C-alpha cells in the first residue's frame, strides 16, 4: 500500500501498487515520465483521488493534485509553501488540463527563495 510511505520518489514505488484511484495514478504516471526527481507526498491517505508532489530537497513545498469531481483529463491543483509549522496557499486552480498542471507544478517547485 502507498499509505505506508509519507515521501516516495517517483522511481522507487510501483505506481500500480498505490492505494489510489486510477485517475490520480494516471496523472502520476504521466508526470513520472518527465520529472523522475519529484517525490510523492501523501498527507491525504484517505483521499483516493489526491496526491502531493514535491522536490526531494524541499518536501514541504507542495503541489496538491486531485481528480475528485473533475472532468476527465482535468485536475484540481493547489500550490502550497511552508509557513512556519503550517502552509500557505500560493494558488488554487480548478479543471486545468495536463499541460497547465505540469507547467504550474514545475514553476512552483522550482521557485528560488529570496533571503
N, C-alpha and C. Protein backbone atom coordinates (compact mmCIF):
# COMPACT_ATOMS: atom_id res chain seq x y z
N UNK A 1 0.84 -1.19 0.00
CA UNK A 1 0.00 0.00 0.00
C UNK A 1 0.88 1.24 0.00
N UNK A 2 0.46 2.26 -0.71
CA UNK A 2 1.21 3.50 -0.76
C UNK A 2 1.15 4.24 0.56
N UNK A 3 0.08 4.07 1.29
CA UNK A 3 -0.12 4.81 2.52
C UNK A 3 0.93 4.59 3.59
N UNK A 4 1.76 3.56 3.45
CA UNK A 4 2.79 3.33 4.46
C UNK A 4 4.00 4.23 4.28
N UNK A 5 4.01 5.07 3.25
CA UNK A 5 5.14 5.96 3.00
C UNK A 5 4.62 7.40 2.89
N UNK A 6 5.23 8.31 3.63
CA UNK A 6 4.86 9.71 3.53
C UNK A 6 5.54 10.37 2.35
N UNK A 7 6.78 10.01 2.05
CA UNK A 7 7.50 10.55 0.91
C UNK A 7 8.00 9.38 0.08
N UNK A 8 7.84 9.47 -1.20
CA UNK A 8 8.22 8.38 -2.09
C UNK A 8 8.70 8.97 -3.40
N UNK A 9 9.95 8.67 -3.77
CA UNK A 9 10.45 9.12 -5.07
C UNK A 9 9.66 8.41 -6.15
N UNK A 10 9.39 9.10 -7.24
CA UNK A 10 8.63 8.51 -8.34
C UNK A 10 9.17 7.14 -8.72
N UNK A 11 10.49 7.04 -8.86
CA UNK A 11 11.09 5.81 -9.35
C UNK A 11 11.19 4.69 -8.34
N UNK A 12 10.88 4.93 -7.06
CA UNK A 12 11.09 3.91 -6.04
C UNK A 12 9.83 3.13 -5.69
N UNK A 13 8.73 3.47 -6.24
CA UNK A 13 7.48 2.80 -5.89
C UNK A 13 6.70 2.52 -7.16
N UNK A 14 6.21 1.33 -7.32
CA UNK A 14 5.41 1.00 -8.48
C UNK A 14 4.06 1.69 -8.35
N UNK A 15 3.74 2.53 -9.31
CA UNK A 15 2.51 3.31 -9.25
C UNK A 15 1.30 2.40 -9.14
N UNK A 16 1.33 1.26 -9.81
CA UNK A 16 0.17 0.36 -9.80
C UNK A 16 -0.12 -0.21 -8.41
N UNK A 17 0.83 -0.13 -7.47
CA UNK A 17 0.61 -0.65 -6.13
C UNK A 17 0.09 0.41 -5.16
N UNK A 18 -0.08 1.64 -5.61
CA UNK A 18 -0.60 2.68 -4.73
C UNK A 18 -2.09 2.45 -4.49
N UNK A 19 -2.54 2.76 -3.29
CA UNK A 19 -3.95 2.66 -2.95
C UNK A 19 -4.63 3.98 -3.31
N UNK A 20 -4.70 4.25 -4.60
CA UNK A 20 -5.30 5.50 -5.11
C UNK A 20 -6.21 5.17 -6.29
N UNK A 21 -7.10 6.08 -6.61
CA UNK A 21 -8.00 5.94 -7.75
C UNK A 21 -7.20 5.96 -9.04
N UNK A 22 -7.65 5.23 -10.03
CA UNK A 22 -6.94 5.14 -11.31
C UNK A 22 -6.72 6.51 -11.95
N UNK A 23 -7.64 7.45 -11.76
CA UNK A 23 -7.49 8.79 -12.37
C UNK A 23 -6.26 9.52 -11.83
N UNK A 24 -5.97 9.38 -10.54
CA UNK A 24 -4.78 10.05 -9.98
C UNK A 24 -3.53 9.25 -10.32
N UNK A 25 -3.64 7.94 -10.41
CA UNK A 25 -2.50 7.12 -10.82
C UNK A 25 -2.08 7.47 -12.25
N UNK A 26 -3.04 7.73 -13.11
CA UNK A 26 -2.72 8.09 -14.50
C UNK A 26 -1.89 9.37 -14.56
N UNK A 27 -2.28 10.40 -13.81
CA UNK A 27 -1.53 11.65 -13.86
C UNK A 27 -0.15 11.48 -13.24
N UNK A 28 -0.03 10.66 -12.20
CA UNK A 28 1.28 10.40 -11.61
C UNK A 28 2.18 9.71 -12.63
N UNK A 29 1.64 8.75 -13.36
CA UNK A 29 2.43 8.06 -14.39
C UNK A 29 2.94 9.04 -15.44
N UNK A 30 2.09 9.94 -15.87
CA UNK A 30 2.49 10.93 -16.89
C UNK A 30 3.59 11.85 -16.35
N UNK A 31 3.41 12.36 -15.14
CA UNK A 31 4.41 13.25 -14.55
C UNK A 31 5.72 12.52 -14.29
N UNK A 32 5.63 11.26 -13.91
CA UNK A 32 6.79 10.44 -13.61
C UNK A 32 7.72 10.34 -14.83
N UNK A 33 7.16 10.28 -16.01
CA UNK A 33 7.97 10.16 -17.23
C UNK A 33 8.85 11.38 -17.45
N UNK A 34 8.36 12.56 -17.09
CA UNK A 34 9.07 13.82 -17.36
C UNK A 34 9.88 14.34 -16.18
N UNK A 35 9.52 13.92 -14.97
CA UNK A 35 10.12 14.50 -13.77
C UNK A 35 10.46 13.42 -12.74
N UNK A 36 11.40 12.54 -13.04
CA UNK A 36 11.70 11.44 -12.12
C UNK A 36 12.28 11.88 -10.77
N UNK A 37 12.75 13.12 -10.67
CA UNK A 37 13.30 13.59 -9.39
C UNK A 37 12.22 14.06 -8.41
N UNK A 38 11.00 14.27 -8.89
CA UNK A 38 9.93 14.69 -7.99
C UNK A 38 9.56 13.52 -7.08
N UNK A 39 9.07 13.86 -5.90
CA UNK A 39 8.63 12.84 -4.95
C UNK A 39 7.14 12.98 -4.72
N UNK A 40 6.54 11.90 -4.29
CA UNK A 40 5.13 11.89 -3.91
C UNK A 40 5.05 12.09 -2.41
N UNK A 41 4.14 12.96 -1.99
CA UNK A 41 3.93 13.25 -0.57
C UNK A 41 2.46 12.99 -0.31
N UNK A 42 2.18 12.00 0.53
CA UNK A 42 0.79 11.60 0.73
C UNK A 42 0.31 11.97 2.12
N UNK A 43 -0.07 13.23 2.28
CA UNK A 43 -0.68 13.69 3.54
C UNK A 43 -2.18 13.39 3.55
N UNK A 44 -2.69 12.87 2.45
CA UNK A 44 -4.12 12.66 2.28
C UNK A 44 -4.39 11.20 1.96
N UNK A 45 -3.91 10.30 2.80
CA UNK A 45 -4.02 8.87 2.56
C UNK A 45 -5.46 8.42 2.34
N UNK A 46 -6.41 9.01 3.05
CA UNK A 46 -7.80 8.62 2.92
C UNK A 46 -8.45 9.17 1.65
N UNK A 47 -7.82 10.15 1.03
CA UNK A 47 -8.35 10.74 -0.20
C UNK A 47 -7.75 9.97 -1.37
N UNK A 48 -8.53 9.08 -1.94
CA UNK A 48 -8.04 8.21 -3.01
C UNK A 48 -7.85 8.92 -4.34
N UNK A 49 -8.32 10.16 -4.44
CA UNK A 49 -8.22 10.91 -5.69
C UNK A 49 -7.21 12.06 -5.59
N UNK A 50 -6.34 12.04 -4.59
CA UNK A 50 -5.40 13.15 -4.40
C UNK A 50 -4.01 12.65 -4.04
N UNK A 51 -3.03 13.47 -4.39
CA UNK A 51 -1.63 13.19 -4.05
C UNK A 51 -0.88 14.52 -4.00
N UNK A 52 0.18 14.54 -3.24
CA UNK A 52 1.06 15.70 -3.21
C UNK A 52 2.33 15.41 -3.98
N UNK A 53 2.87 16.44 -4.60
CA UNK A 53 4.12 16.32 -5.36
C UNK A 53 5.06 17.40 -4.87
N UNK A 54 6.33 17.03 -4.70
CA UNK A 54 7.35 17.96 -4.20
C UNK A 54 8.70 17.58 -4.78
N UNK A 55 9.69 18.42 -4.50
CA UNK A 55 11.09 18.10 -4.80
C UNK A 55 11.68 17.46 -3.56
N UNK A 56 12.57 16.50 -3.74
CA UNK A 56 13.16 15.80 -2.60
C UNK A 56 13.88 16.74 -1.64
N UNK A 57 14.53 17.77 -2.17
CA UNK A 57 15.28 18.68 -1.31
C UNK A 57 14.38 19.68 -0.57
N UNK A 58 13.11 19.76 -0.95
CA UNK A 58 12.18 20.67 -0.27
C UNK A 58 10.78 20.05 -0.23
N UNK A 59 10.60 19.00 0.57
CA UNK A 59 9.33 18.27 0.55
C UNK A 59 8.13 19.02 1.10
N UNK A 60 8.34 20.17 1.73
CA UNK A 60 7.21 20.93 2.25
C UNK A 60 6.68 21.96 1.25
N UNK A 61 7.34 22.17 0.14
CA UNK A 61 6.78 23.00 -0.94
C UNK A 61 5.98 22.03 -1.81
N UNK A 62 4.67 22.10 -1.70
CA UNK A 62 3.81 21.07 -2.27
C UNK A 62 2.95 21.56 -3.43
N UNK A 63 2.66 20.60 -4.28
CA UNK A 63 1.60 20.75 -5.27
C UNK A 63 0.60 19.64 -4.96
N UNK A 64 -0.59 20.03 -4.54
CA UNK A 64 -1.65 19.08 -4.23
C UNK A 64 -2.48 18.91 -5.48
N UNK A 65 -2.59 17.68 -5.97
CA UNK A 65 -3.33 17.39 -7.20
C UNK A 65 -4.48 16.47 -6.86
N UNK A 66 -5.66 16.80 -7.37
CA UNK A 66 -6.84 15.96 -7.13
C UNK A 66 -7.65 15.82 -8.42
N UNK A 67 -8.25 14.65 -8.55
CA UNK A 67 -9.16 14.41 -9.68
C UNK A 67 -10.62 14.35 -9.22
N UNK A 68 -10.85 14.54 -7.93
CA UNK A 68 -12.21 14.45 -7.37
C UNK A 68 -13.13 15.49 -8.00
N UNK A 69 -14.23 15.01 -8.56
CA UNK A 69 -15.26 15.85 -9.18
C UNK A 69 -14.72 16.73 -10.30
N UNK A 70 -13.66 16.27 -10.98
CA UNK A 70 -13.11 16.99 -12.12
C UNK A 70 -13.51 16.24 -13.40
N UNK A 71 -13.72 16.97 -14.49
CA UNK A 71 -13.99 16.28 -15.76
C UNK A 71 -12.79 15.40 -16.14
N UNK A 72 -13.01 14.40 -16.94
CA UNK A 72 -11.93 13.51 -17.38
C UNK A 72 -10.81 14.34 -18.02
N UNK A 73 -9.58 14.05 -17.62
CA UNK A 73 -8.43 14.76 -18.16
C UNK A 73 -8.20 16.14 -17.58
N UNK A 74 -8.94 16.48 -16.53
CA UNK A 74 -8.81 17.78 -15.85
C UNK A 74 -8.50 17.54 -14.38
N UNK A 75 -7.83 18.54 -13.79
CA UNK A 75 -7.32 18.36 -12.43
C UNK A 75 -7.53 19.61 -11.60
N UNK A 76 -7.75 19.39 -10.30
CA UNK A 76 -7.71 20.46 -9.32
C UNK A 76 -6.26 20.53 -8.84
N UNK A 77 -5.75 21.75 -8.69
CA UNK A 77 -4.37 21.94 -8.24
C UNK A 77 -4.32 23.03 -7.19
N UNK A 78 -3.65 22.74 -6.09
CA UNK A 78 -3.38 23.76 -5.08
C UNK A 78 -1.89 23.75 -4.80
N UNK A 79 -1.28 24.92 -4.90
CA UNK A 79 0.15 25.08 -4.67
C UNK A 79 0.35 25.63 -3.27
N UNK A 80 1.19 24.97 -2.48
CA UNK A 80 1.37 25.33 -1.08
C UNK A 80 2.86 25.49 -0.76
N UNK A 81 3.15 26.44 0.12
CA UNK A 81 4.52 26.68 0.59
C UNK A 81 4.54 26.64 2.11
N UNK A 82 5.67 26.23 2.68
CA UNK A 82 5.76 26.20 4.14
C UNK A 82 5.73 27.61 4.71
N UNK A 83 5.04 27.73 5.83
CA UNK A 83 5.00 29.00 6.57
C UNK A 83 5.03 28.62 8.04
N UNK A 84 6.24 28.56 8.59
CA UNK A 84 6.40 28.06 9.96
C UNK A 84 6.04 26.59 9.98
N UNK A 85 5.19 26.22 10.92
CA UNK A 85 4.73 24.82 11.00
C UNK A 85 3.57 24.55 10.06
N UNK A 86 2.97 25.60 9.52
CA UNK A 86 1.80 25.47 8.65
C UNK A 86 2.19 25.63 7.19
N UNK A 87 1.18 25.76 6.37
CA UNK A 87 1.36 26.00 4.94
C UNK A 87 0.55 27.22 4.54
N UNK A 88 1.02 27.92 3.53
CA UNK A 88 0.22 28.99 2.93
C UNK A 88 -0.11 28.56 1.51
N UNK A 89 -1.26 28.96 1.05
CA UNK A 89 -1.70 28.62 -0.30
C UNK A 89 -1.19 29.69 -1.26
N UNK A 90 -0.43 29.26 -2.25
CA UNK A 90 0.13 30.17 -3.25
C UNK A 90 -0.74 30.27 -4.50
N UNK A 91 -1.63 29.30 -4.68
CA UNK A 91 -2.51 29.34 -5.84
C UNK A 91 -3.43 28.14 -5.86
N UNK A 92 -4.64 28.36 -6.33
CA UNK A 92 -5.64 27.30 -6.46
C UNK A 92 -6.20 27.36 -7.87
N UNK A 93 -6.26 26.21 -8.53
CA UNK A 93 -6.67 26.15 -9.93
C UNK A 93 -7.63 24.98 -10.12
N UNK A 94 -8.71 25.23 -10.79
CA UNK A 94 -9.78 24.25 -10.99
C UNK A 94 -9.82 23.83 -12.45
N UNK A 95 -9.99 22.53 -12.68
CA UNK A 95 -10.21 21.97 -14.01
C UNK A 95 -9.12 22.32 -15.02
N UNK A 96 -7.85 22.25 -14.59
CA UNK A 96 -6.74 22.52 -15.50
C UNK A 96 -6.42 21.26 -16.30
N UNK A 97 -5.94 21.44 -17.52
CA UNK A 97 -5.53 20.28 -18.31
C UNK A 97 -4.12 19.86 -17.91
N UNK A 98 -3.64 18.75 -18.48
CA UNK A 98 -2.35 18.21 -18.06
C UNK A 98 -1.21 19.19 -18.33
N UNK A 99 -1.21 19.83 -19.47
CA UNK A 99 -0.13 20.76 -19.81
C UNK A 99 -0.04 21.90 -18.81
N UNK A 100 -1.18 22.49 -18.46
CA UNK A 100 -1.18 23.57 -17.47
C UNK A 100 -0.78 23.04 -16.09
N UNK A 101 -1.29 21.88 -15.73
CA UNK A 101 -0.95 21.26 -14.45
C UNK A 101 0.57 21.09 -14.33
N UNK A 102 1.17 20.47 -15.31
CA UNK A 102 2.61 20.21 -15.29
C UNK A 102 3.40 21.52 -15.22
N UNK A 103 3.01 22.50 -16.01
CA UNK A 103 3.71 23.78 -16.02
C UNK A 103 3.61 24.51 -14.70
N UNK A 104 2.44 24.52 -14.11
CA UNK A 104 2.26 25.21 -12.82
C UNK A 104 3.02 24.49 -11.70
N UNK A 105 3.01 23.17 -11.71
CA UNK A 105 3.77 22.42 -10.70
C UNK A 105 5.25 22.71 -10.87
N UNK A 106 5.74 22.63 -12.09
CA UNK A 106 7.16 22.88 -12.35
C UNK A 106 7.56 24.27 -11.86
N UNK A 107 6.78 25.28 -12.22
CA UNK A 107 7.09 26.65 -11.80
C UNK A 107 7.09 26.80 -10.30
N UNK A 108 6.14 26.18 -9.63
CA UNK A 108 6.04 26.29 -8.18
C UNK A 108 7.19 25.58 -7.47
N UNK A 109 7.54 24.41 -7.93
CA UNK A 109 8.58 23.63 -7.25
C UNK A 109 9.98 24.16 -7.52
N UNK A 110 10.14 24.96 -8.55
CA UNK A 110 11.47 25.45 -8.91
C UNK A 110 11.67 26.93 -8.60
N UNK A 111 10.83 27.48 -7.74
CA UNK A 111 10.99 28.86 -7.29
C UNK A 111 12.21 28.93 -6.38
N UNK A 112 13.06 29.89 -6.65
CA UNK A 112 14.20 30.13 -5.76
C UNK A 112 13.76 31.07 -4.65
N UNK A 113 14.00 30.67 -3.43
CA UNK A 113 13.65 31.51 -2.28
C UNK A 113 14.60 32.69 -2.19
N UNK A 114 14.08 33.88 -1.98
CA UNK A 114 14.89 35.07 -1.79
C UNK A 114 15.06 35.28 -0.29
N UNK A 115 16.30 35.33 0.16
CA UNK A 115 16.53 35.50 1.61
C UNK A 115 17.27 36.79 1.87
